[in-house]
PDB file of N, CA and C in Angstrom:
ATOM      1  N   MET A   1      22.311  -7.653 -10.201  1.00  0.00           N
ATOM      2  CA  MET A   1      21.719  -6.977  -9.983  1.00  0.00           C
ATOM      3  C   MET A   1      21.513  -6.282  -8.991  1.00  0.00           C
ATOM      4  N   ASN A   2      21.213  -5.013  -9.142  1.00  0.00           N
ATOM      5  CA  ASN A   2      21.553  -3.968  -8.390  1.00  0.00           C
ATOM      6  C   ASN A   2      20.311  -3.744  -7.242  1.00  0.00           C
ATOM      7  N   LEU A   3      20.803  -2.531  -6.529  1.00  0.00           N
ATOM      8  CA  LEU A   3      20.062  -2.485  -5.296  1.00  0.00           C
ATOM      9  C   LEU A   3      18.418  -2.001  -5.466  1.00  0.00           C
ATOM     10  N   ASN A   4      18.330  -0.893  -6.646  1.00  0.00           N
ATOM     11  CA  ASN A   4      17.144  -0.797  -7.185  1.00  0.00           C
ATOM     12  C   ASN A   4      16.342  -2.248  -7.327  1.00  0.00           C
ATOM     13  N   GLU A   5      16.430  -2.803  -8.158  1.00  0.00           N
ATOM     14  CA  GLU A   5      16.418  -4.260  -8.594  1.00  0.00           C
ATOM     15  C   GLU A   5      15.670  -5.390  -7.504  1.00  0.00           C
ATOM     16  N   LEU A   6      16.941  -5.573  -6.476  1.00  0.00           N
ATOM     17  CA  LEU A   6      16.669  -5.961  -5.408  1.00  0.00           C
ATOM     18  C   LEU A   6      15.302  -5.359  -4.543  1.00  0.00           C
ATOM     19  N   VAL A   7      15.594  -4.215  -4.451  1.00  0.00           N
ATOM     20  CA  VAL A   7      14.073  -3.926  -3.447  1.00  0.00           C
ATOM     21  C   VAL A   7      13.009  -4.018  -4.113  1.00  0.00           C
ATOM     22  N   ASP A   8      12.942  -3.767  -5.561  1.00  0.00           N
ATOM     23  CA  ASP A   8      11.566  -4.019  -6.554  1.00  0.00           C
ATOM     24  C   ASP A   8      11.271  -5.321  -6.693  1.00  0.00           C
ATOM     25  N   SER A   9      12.349  -6.611  -6.640  1.00  0.00           N
ATOM     26  CA  SER A   9      11.944  -7.920  -6.517  1.00  0.00           C
ATOM     27  C   SER A   9      11.550  -7.749  -5.338  1.00  0.00           C
ATOM     28  N   LEU A  10      11.900  -7.573  -4.240  1.00  0.00           N
ATOM     29  CA  LEU A  10      11.271  -8.271  -3.053  1.00  0.00           C
ATOM     30  C   LEU A  10       9.606  -7.925  -2.670  1.00  0.00           C
ATOM     31  N   ILE A  11       9.649  -6.690  -2.932  1.00  0.00           N
ATOM     32  CA  ILE A  11       8.482  -6.144  -3.136  1.00  0.00           C
ATOM     33  C   ILE A  11       7.385  -6.517  -4.145  1.00  0.00           C
ATOM     34  N   GLU A  12       7.504  -6.740  -5.299  1.00  0.00           N
ATOM     35  CA  GLU A  12       7.045  -7.407  -5.858  1.00  0.00           C
ATOM     36  C   GLU A  12       6.389  -8.545  -5.489  1.00  0.00           C
ATOM     37  N   LEU A  13       7.773  -9.420  -5.155  1.00  0.00           N
ATOM     38  CA  LEU A  13       7.380 -10.808  -4.140  1.00  0.00           C
ATOM     39  C   LEU A  13       6.549 -10.705  -3.038  1.00  0.00           C
ATOM     40  N   SER A  14       6.318  -9.543  -2.062  1.00  0.00           N
ATOM     41  CA  SER A  14       5.617  -9.788  -1.163  1.00  0.00           C
ATOM     42  C   SER A  14       4.273  -9.349  -1.786  1.00  0.00           C
ATOM     43  N   CYS A  15       3.759  -9.038  -2.921  1.00  0.00           N
ATOM     44  CA  CYS A  15       2.291  -9.122  -3.006  1.00  0.00           C
ATOM     45  C   CYS A  15       2.067 -10.428  -3.453  1.00  0.00           C
ATOM     46  N   HIS A  16       2.718 -11.374  -3.478  1.00  0.00           N
ATOM     47  CA  HIS A  16       2.238 -12.585  -3.927  1.00  0.00           C
ATOM     48  C   HIS A  16       1.804 -13.396  -2.533  1.00  0.00           C
ATOM     49  N   GLU A  17       0.851 -14.498  -3.020  1.00  0.00           N
ATOM     50  CA  GLU A  17       0.471 -14.821  -1.283  1.00  0.00           C
ATOM     51  C   GLU A  17       1.326 -16.188  -1.004  1.00  0.00           C
ATOM     52  N   MET A  18       1.272 -15.502   0.660  1.00  0.00           N
ATOM     53  CA  MET A  18       2.347 -16.473   0.972  1.00  0.00           C
ATOM     54  C   MET A  18       2.099 -16.681   2.406  1.00  0.00           C
ATOM     55  N   PRO A  19       2.427 -17.692   3.315  1.00  0.00           N
ATOM     56  CA  PRO A  19       2.229 -17.618   4.904  1.00  0.00           C
ATOM     57  C   PRO A  19       2.335 -16.682   5.648  1.00  0.00           C
ATOM     58  N   GLU A  20       1.868 -16.037   6.439  1.00  0.00           N
ATOM     59  CA  GLU A  20       1.670 -14.928   7.283  1.00  0.00           C
ATOM     60  C   GLU A  20       3.217 -14.778   8.109  1.00  0.00           C
ATOM     61  N   GLU A  21       3.934 -15.837   8.412  1.00  0.00           N
ATOM     62  CA  GLU A  21       5.321 -15.934   8.861  1.00  0.00           C
ATOM     63  C   GLU A  21       6.297 -15.272   7.951  1.00  0.00           C
ATOM     64  N   ALA A  22       5.822 -16.142   6.609  1.00  0.00           N
ATOM     65  CA  ALA A  22       7.013 -15.823   5.832  1.00  0.00           C
ATOM     66  C   ALA A  22       6.718 -14.104   5.299  1.00  0.00           C
ATOM     67  N   ARG A  23       5.619 -13.583   5.156  1.00  0.00           N
ATOM     68  CA  ARG A  23       5.360 -12.366   4.495  1.00  0.00           C
ATOM     69  C   ARG A  23       5.967 -11.154   5.550  1.00  0.00           C
ATOM     70  N   LYS A  24       5.867 -11.499   7.079  1.00  0.00           N
ATOM     71  CA  LYS A  24       6.486 -10.477   8.136  1.00  0.00           C
ATOM     72  C   LYS A  24       7.886 -10.904   7.800  1.00  0.00           C
ATOM     73  N   SER A  25       8.790 -11.451   7.298  1.00  0.00           N
ATOM     74  CA  SER A  25       9.984 -12.145   7.360  1.00  0.00           C
ATOM     75  C   SER A  25      10.353 -11.347   5.925  1.00  0.00           C
ATOM     76  N   LEU A  26       9.686 -11.088   5.055  1.00  0.00           N
ATOM     77  CA  LEU A  26      10.215 -10.150   4.098  1.00  0.00           C
ATOM     78  C   LEU A  26       9.846  -9.006   4.063  1.00  0.00           C
ATOM     79  N   ASP A  27       8.930  -8.276   4.602  1.00  0.00           N
ATOM     80  CA  ASP A  27       8.749  -7.038   4.956  1.00  0.00           C
ATOM     81  C   ASP A  27       9.506  -6.787   5.632  1.00  0.00           C
ATOM     82  N   ASP A  28      10.466  -7.346   7.001  1.00  0.00           N
ATOM     83  CA  ASP A  28      11.599  -7.154   7.727  1.00  0.00           C
ATOM     84  C   ASP A  28      12.604  -7.077   7.143  1.00  0.00           C
ATOM     85  N   ALA A  29      12.500  -7.463   6.096  1.00  0.00           N
ATOM     86  CA  ALA A  29      14.219  -7.718   5.033  1.00  0.00           C
ATOM     87  C   ALA A  29      13.912  -6.389   4.570  1.00  0.00           C
ATOM     88  N   ILE A  30      11.938  -5.947   3.688  1.00  0.00           N
ATOM     89  CA  ILE A  30      12.375  -5.019   2.846  1.00  0.00           C
ATOM     90  C   ILE A  30      12.949  -3.716   3.561  1.00  0.00           C
ATOM     91  N   ASP A  31      12.073  -3.652   5.088  1.00  0.00           N
ATOM     92  CA  ASP A  31      12.273  -2.639   5.981  1.00  0.00           C
ATOM     93  C   ASP A  31      13.917  -2.188   6.446  1.00  0.00           C
ATOM     94  N   HIS A  32      14.663  -3.323   6.721  1.00  0.00           N
ATOM     95  CA  HIS A  32      16.118  -3.513   6.837  1.00  0.00           C
ATOM     96  C   HIS A  32      17.073  -3.057   5.912  1.00  0.00           C
ATOM     97  N   ILE A  33      16.814  -3.088   4.789  1.00  0.00           N
ATOM     98  CA  ILE A  33      17.153  -2.874   3.478  1.00  0.00           C
ATOM     99  C   ILE A  33      16.900  -1.079   3.300  1.00  0.00           C
ATOM    100  N   VAL A  34      15.833  -0.723   3.140  1.00  0.00           N
ATOM    101  CA  VAL A  34      15.722   0.464   3.224  1.00  0.00           C
ATOM    102  C   VAL A  34      15.730   1.601   4.125  1.00  0.00           C
ATOM    103  N   SER A  35      15.670   1.181   5.464  1.00  0.00           N
ATOM    104  CA  SER A  35      15.744   2.083   6.427  1.00  0.00           C
ATOM    105  C   SER A  35      17.149   1.938   6.611  1.00  0.00           C
ATOM    106  N   ASN A  36      18.339   1.474   6.073  1.00  0.00           N
ATOM    107  CA  ASN A  36      19.912   1.475   5.822  1.00  0.00           C
ATOM    108  C   ASN A  36      20.170   2.155   4.345  1.00  0.00           C
ATOM    109  N   MET A  37      19.624   2.484   3.555  1.00  0.00           N
ATOM    110  CA  MET A  37      19.419   3.522   2.229  1.00  0.00           C
ATOM    111  C   MET A  37      19.734   4.754   2.857  1.00  0.00           C
ATOM    112  N   ASN A  38      21.144   5.686   1.960  1.00  0.00           N
ATOM    113  CA  ASN A  38      21.233   6.914   2.339  1.00  0.00           C
ATOM    114  C   ASN A  38      19.673   7.793   1.394  1.00  0.00           C
ATOM    115  N   ASP A  39      20.261   8.878   1.468  1.00  0.00           N
ATOM    116  CA  ASP A  39      18.584   9.659   0.702  1.00  0.00           C
ATOM    117  C   ASP A  39      18.798   9.185  -0.934  1.00  0.00           C
ATOM    118  N   ASN A  40      20.514   9.407  -1.232  1.00  0.00           N
ATOM    119  CA  ASN A  40      20.336   9.188  -2.908  1.00  0.00           C
ATOM    120  C   ASN A  40      19.902   8.067  -2.960  1.00  0.00           C
ATOM    121  N   GLN A  41      19.844   7.044  -2.245  1.00  0.00           N
ATOM    122  CA  GLN A  41      19.703   5.110  -2.896  1.00  0.00           C
ATOM    123  C   GLN A  41      18.003   5.204  -2.706  1.00  0.00           C
ATOM    124  N   LEU A  42      17.663   6.157  -1.688  1.00  0.00           N
ATOM    125  CA  LEU A  42      15.999   6.268  -1.520  1.00  0.00           C
ATOM    126  C   LEU A  42      15.195   6.622  -2.627  1.00  0.00           C
ATOM    127  N   LYS A  43      15.947   7.687  -3.188  1.00  0.00           N
ATOM    128  CA  LYS A  43      15.272   8.397  -4.154  1.00  0.00           C
ATOM    129  C   LYS A  43      15.335   7.691  -5.437  1.00  0.00           C
ATOM    130  N   ASP A  44      16.538   6.841  -5.950  1.00  0.00           N
ATOM    131  CA  ASP A  44      16.567   5.693  -6.772  1.00  0.00           C
ATOM    132  C   ASP A  44      16.123   4.920  -7.046  1.00  0.00           C
ATOM    133  N   VAL A  45      15.574   4.397  -5.325  1.00  0.00           N
ATOM    134  CA  VAL A  45      14.210   3.212  -5.674  1.00  0.00           C
ATOM    135  C   VAL A  45      13.087   3.949  -5.509  1.00  0.00           C
ATOM    136  N   LEU A  46      12.284   4.786  -4.935  1.00  0.00           N
ATOM    137  CA  LEU A  46      11.365   5.257  -5.302  1.00  0.00           C
ATOM    138  C   LEU A  46      11.264   6.273  -6.527  1.00  0.00           C
ATOM    139  N   GLY A  47      12.276   6.823  -7.300  1.00  0.00           N
ATOM    140  CA  GLY A  47      11.943   7.643  -8.214  1.00  0.00           C
ATOM    141  C   GLY A  47      11.544   9.014  -7.849  1.00  0.00           C
ATOM    142  N   ASN A  48      10.511   9.531  -8.866  1.00  0.00           N
ATOM    143  CA  ASN A  48       9.896  10.533  -8.301  1.00  0.00           C
ATOM    144  C   ASN A  48       8.368  10.295  -7.586  1.00  0.00           C
ATOM    145  N   THR A  49       8.723  11.281  -6.658  1.00  0.00           N
ATOM    146  CA  THR A  49       7.383  10.629  -6.026  1.00  0.00           C
ATOM    147  C   THR A  49       5.878  11.676  -6.956  1.00  0.00           C
ATOM    148  N   ILE A  50       5.101  11.402  -6.251  1.00  0.00           N
ATOM    149  CA  ILE A  50       3.831  12.733  -6.571  1.00  0.00           C
ATOM    150  C   ILE A  50       4.154  13.977  -6.119  1.00  0.00           C
ATOM    151  N   LEU A  51       4.753  13.808  -5.090  1.00  0.00           N
ATOM    152  CA  LEU A  51       5.292  15.998  -4.354  1.00  0.00           C
ATOM    153  C   LEU A  51       6.251  16.039  -5.314  1.00  0.00           C
ATOM    154  N   ASP A  52       7.444  15.382  -6.141  1.00  0.00           N
ATOM    155  CA  ASP A  52       8.170  15.654  -6.891  1.00  0.00           C
ATOM    156  C   ASP A  52       7.478  16.387  -8.003  1.00  0.00           C
ATOM    157  N   GLU A  53       6.613  15.322  -8.704  1.00  0.00           N
ATOM    158  CA  GLU A  53       5.812  16.008  -9.708  1.00  0.00           C
ATOM    159  C   GLU A  53       5.327  16.776  -9.664  1.00  0.00           C
ATOM    160  N   ILE A  54       4.308  17.476  -8.810  1.00  0.00           N
ATOM    161  CA  ILE A  54       4.035  18.604  -8.331  1.00  0.00           C
ATOM    162  C   ILE A  54       4.566  19.765  -8.638  1.00  0.00           C
ATOM    163  N   GLU A  55       5.728  19.598  -7.990  1.00  0.00           N
ATOM    164  CA  GLU A  55       6.815  20.582  -8.047  1.00  0.00           C
ATOM    165  C   GLU A  55       7.274  20.860  -9.083  1.00  0.00           C
ATOM    166  N   THR A  56       7.491  20.071  -9.630  1.00  0.00           N
ATOM    167  CA  THR A  56       8.102  20.272 -11.098  1.00  0.00           C
ATOM    168  C   THR A  56       7.229  20.798 -11.790  1.00  0.00           C
ATOM    169  N   LYS A  57       5.656  20.453 -11.863  1.00  0.00           N
ATOM    170  CA  LYS A  57       4.597  21.001 -12.386  1.00  0.00           C
ATOM    171  C   LYS A  57       4.166  22.403 -12.734  1.00  0.00           C
ATOM    172  N   HIS A  58       4.487  23.068 -10.909  1.00  0.00           N
ATOM    173  CA  HIS A  58       3.999  24.053 -10.044  1.00  0.00           C
ATOM    174  C   HIS A  58       5.023  24.330  -9.279  1.00  0.00           C
ATOM    175  N   PRO A  59       6.381  25.015  -9.827  1.00  0.00           N
ATOM    176  CA  PRO A  59       7.739  24.915  -8.812  1.00  0.00           C
ATOM    177  C   PRO A  59       7.575  26.213  -8.043  1.00  0.00           C
ATOM    178  N   LYS A  60       6.557  27.121  -8.239  1.00  0.00           N
ATOM    179  CA  LYS A  60       6.526  28.334  -7.479  1.00  0.00           C
ATOM    180  C   LYS A  60       5.081  28.790  -6.884  1.00  0.00           C
ATOM    181  N   HIS A  61       4.495  27.268  -6.689  1.00  0.00           N
ATOM    182  CA  HIS A  61       2.994  27.373  -6.061  1.00  0.00           C
ATOM    183  C   HIS A  61       3.146  27.054  -4.272  1.00  0.00           C
ATOM    184  N   VAL A  62       2.166  27.852  -3.962  1.00  0.00           N
ATOM    185  CA  VAL A  62       2.087  28.642  -2.671  1.00  0.00           C
ATOM    186  C   VAL A  62       1.122  27.338  -1.981  1.00  0.00           C
ATOM    187  N   TRP A  63       1.418  26.510  -1.119  1.00  0.00           N
ATOM    188  CA  TRP A  63       0.602  25.459  -0.400  1.00  0.00           C
ATOM    189  C   TRP A  63      -0.562  25.765   0.825  1.00  0.00           C
ATOM    190  N   LYS A  64      -0.097  27.280   0.956  1.00  0.00           N
ATOM    191  CA  LYS A  64      -1.107  27.658   2.038  1.00  0.00           C
ATOM    192  C   LYS A  64      -2.028  28.795   1.468  1.00  0.00           C
ATOM    193  N   GLU A  65      -2.680  28.518   1.864  1.00  0.00           N
ATOM    194  CA  GLU A  65      -4.525  29.395   1.624  1.00  0.00           C
ATOM    195  C   GLU A  65      -4.709  30.692   2.576  1.00  0.00           C
ATOM    196  N   GLU A  66      -5.152  31.200   2.116  1.00  0.00           N
ATOM    197  CA  GLU A  66      -5.514  33.162   2.304  1.00  0.00           C
ATOM    198  C   GLU A  66      -5.865  32.659   3.805  1.00  0.00           C
ATOM    199  N   GLY A  67      -5.562  33.031   5.049  1.00  0.00           N
ATOM    200  CA  GLY A  67      -6.407  32.902   6.400  1.00  0.00           C
ATOM    201  C   GLY A  67      -5.627  31.743   7.078  1.00  0.00           C
ATOM    202  N   ASP A  68      -4.224  30.934   6.413  1.00  0.00           N
ATOM    203  CA  ASP A  68      -4.041  30.157   7.370  1.00  0.00           C
ATOM    204  C   ASP A  68      -3.106  30.351   8.183  1.00  0.00           C
ATOM    205  N   GLU A  69      -2.498  31.819   8.274  1.00  0.00           N
ATOM    206  CA  GLU A  69      -1.718  32.394   9.078  1.00  0.00           C
ATOM    207  C   GLU A  69      -1.899  32.249  10.670  1.00  0.00           C
ATOM    208  N   GLU A  70      -3.579  32.536  11.095  1.00  0.00           N
ATOM    209  CA  GLU A  70      -3.611  32.077  12.644  1.00  0.00           C
ATOM    210  C   GLU A  70      -3.764  30.457  12.683  1.00  0.00           C
ATOM    211  N   GLU A  71      -4.116  29.718  12.073  1.00  0.00           N
ATOM    212  CA  GLU A  71      -3.770  28.242  11.795  1.00  0.00           C
ATOM    213  C   GLU A  71      -2.434  28.041  11.968  1.00  0.00           C
ATOM    214  N   ILE A  72      -1.541  28.778  11.227  1.00  0.00           N
ATOM    215  CA  ILE A  72       0.121  28.075  11.712  1.00  0.00           C
ATOM    216  C   ILE A  72       0.346  28.680  12.888  1.00  0.00           C
ATOM    217  N   LYS A  73       0.025  30.053  13.372  1.00  0.00           N
ATOM    218  CA  LYS A  73       0.584  30.361  15.060  1.00  0.00           C
ATOM    219  C   LYS A  73      -0.154  29.549  15.779  1.00  0.00           C
ATOM    220  N   ALA A  74      -1.308  29.119  15.564  1.00  0.00           N
ATOM    221  CA  ALA A  74      -1.691  28.239  16.897  1.00  0.00           C
ATOM    222  C   ALA A  74      -1.063  26.884  16.670  1.00  0.00           C
ATOM    223  N   ILE A  75      -0.772  26.392  15.866  1.00  0.00           N
ATOM    224  CA  ILE A  75       0.001  25.014  15.700  1.00  0.00           C
ATOM    225  C   ILE A  75       1.642  25.201  16.316  1.00  0.00           C
ATOM    226  N   LYS A  76       2.169  26.213  15.804  1.00  0.00           N
ATOM    227  CA  LYS A  76       3.333  26.529  16.489  1.00  0.00           C
ATOM    228  C   LYS A  76       3.403  26.913  17.970  1.00  0.00           C
ATOM    229  N   SER A  77       2.289  27.528  18.673  1.00  0.00           N
ATOM    230  CA  SER A  77       2.222  27.807  19.630  1.00  0.00           C
ATOM    231  C   SER A  77       1.978  26.602  20.397  1.00  0.00           C
ATOM    232  N   LEU A  78       1.339  25.312  19.950  1.00  0.00           N
ATOM    233  CA  LEU A  78       0.906  24.066  20.358  1.00  0.00           C
ATOM    234  C   LEU A  78       2.516  23.241  20.400  1.00  0.00           C
ATOM    235  N   MET A  79       2.743  23.390  19.492  1.00  0.00           N
ATOM    236  CA  MET A  79       4.144  22.530  19.293  1.00  0.00           C
ATOM    237  C   MET A  79       5.498  23.107  20.333  1.00  0.00           C
ATOM    238  N   ASP A  80       5.362  23.903  20.605  1.00  0.00           N
ATOM    239  CA  ASP A  80       5.911  25.262  21.333  1.00  0.00           C
ATOM    240  C   ASP A  80       5.738  24.826  23.162  1.00  0.00           C
ATOM    241  N   GLY A  81       4.454  24.482  23.284  1.00  0.00           N
ATOM    242  CA  GLY A  81       4.005  23.935  24.525  1.00  0.00           C
ATOM    243  C   GLY A  81       3.094  25.460  25.053  1.00  0.00           C
ATOM    244  N   ASN A  82       2.987  26.443  24.139  1.00  0.00           N
ATOM    245  CA  ASN A  82       2.455  27.499  24.723  1.00  0.00           C
ATOM    246  C   ASN A  82       0.912  27.085  25.373  1.00  0.00           C
ATOM    247  N   ILE A  83       0.052  26.169  24.016  1.00  0.00           N
ATOM    248  CA  ILE A  83      -1.141  25.712  24.468  1.00  0.00           C
ATOM    249  C   ILE A  83      -1.227  24.607  24.573  1.00  0.00           C
ATOM    250  N   ALA A  84      -2.525  24.561  25.637  1.00  0.00           N
ATOM    251  CA  ALA A  84      -2.299  23.152  26.206  1.00  0.00           C
ATOM    252  C   ALA A  84      -3.962  22.434  25.445  1.00  0.00           C
ATOM    253  N   ILE A  85      -3.869  21.393  24.868  1.00  0.00           N
ATOM    254  CA  ILE A  85      -5.617  20.777  24.710  1.00  0.00           C
ATOM    255  C   ILE A  85      -5.982  19.601  25.947  1.00  0.00           C
ATOM    256  N   ALA A  86      -7.148  20.274  26.284  1.00  0.00           N
ATOM    257  CA  ALA A  86      -7.846  19.564  26.932  1.00  0.00           C
ATOM    258  C   ALA A  86      -9.026  18.581  26.482  1.00  0.00           C
TER     259      ALA A  86
END
């Protein structure tokens, strides 16, 4: 059994009814395995995500709309600490 099959099996198992303590232990095990994977292993387990599929179909699509520049500047200023939220 490879890593992908193991994670898939654990996730499938977690969908079955079980005591809450067992579910938490299983979720913790899945979290531990996934958090210790490198990017390539994660991509193998997750496969194509929705964003990957969108980018494949629309490789040069622009995700911002007309007029978003002001909003982007405001968000950057907020992140830089130049604007405070009251």
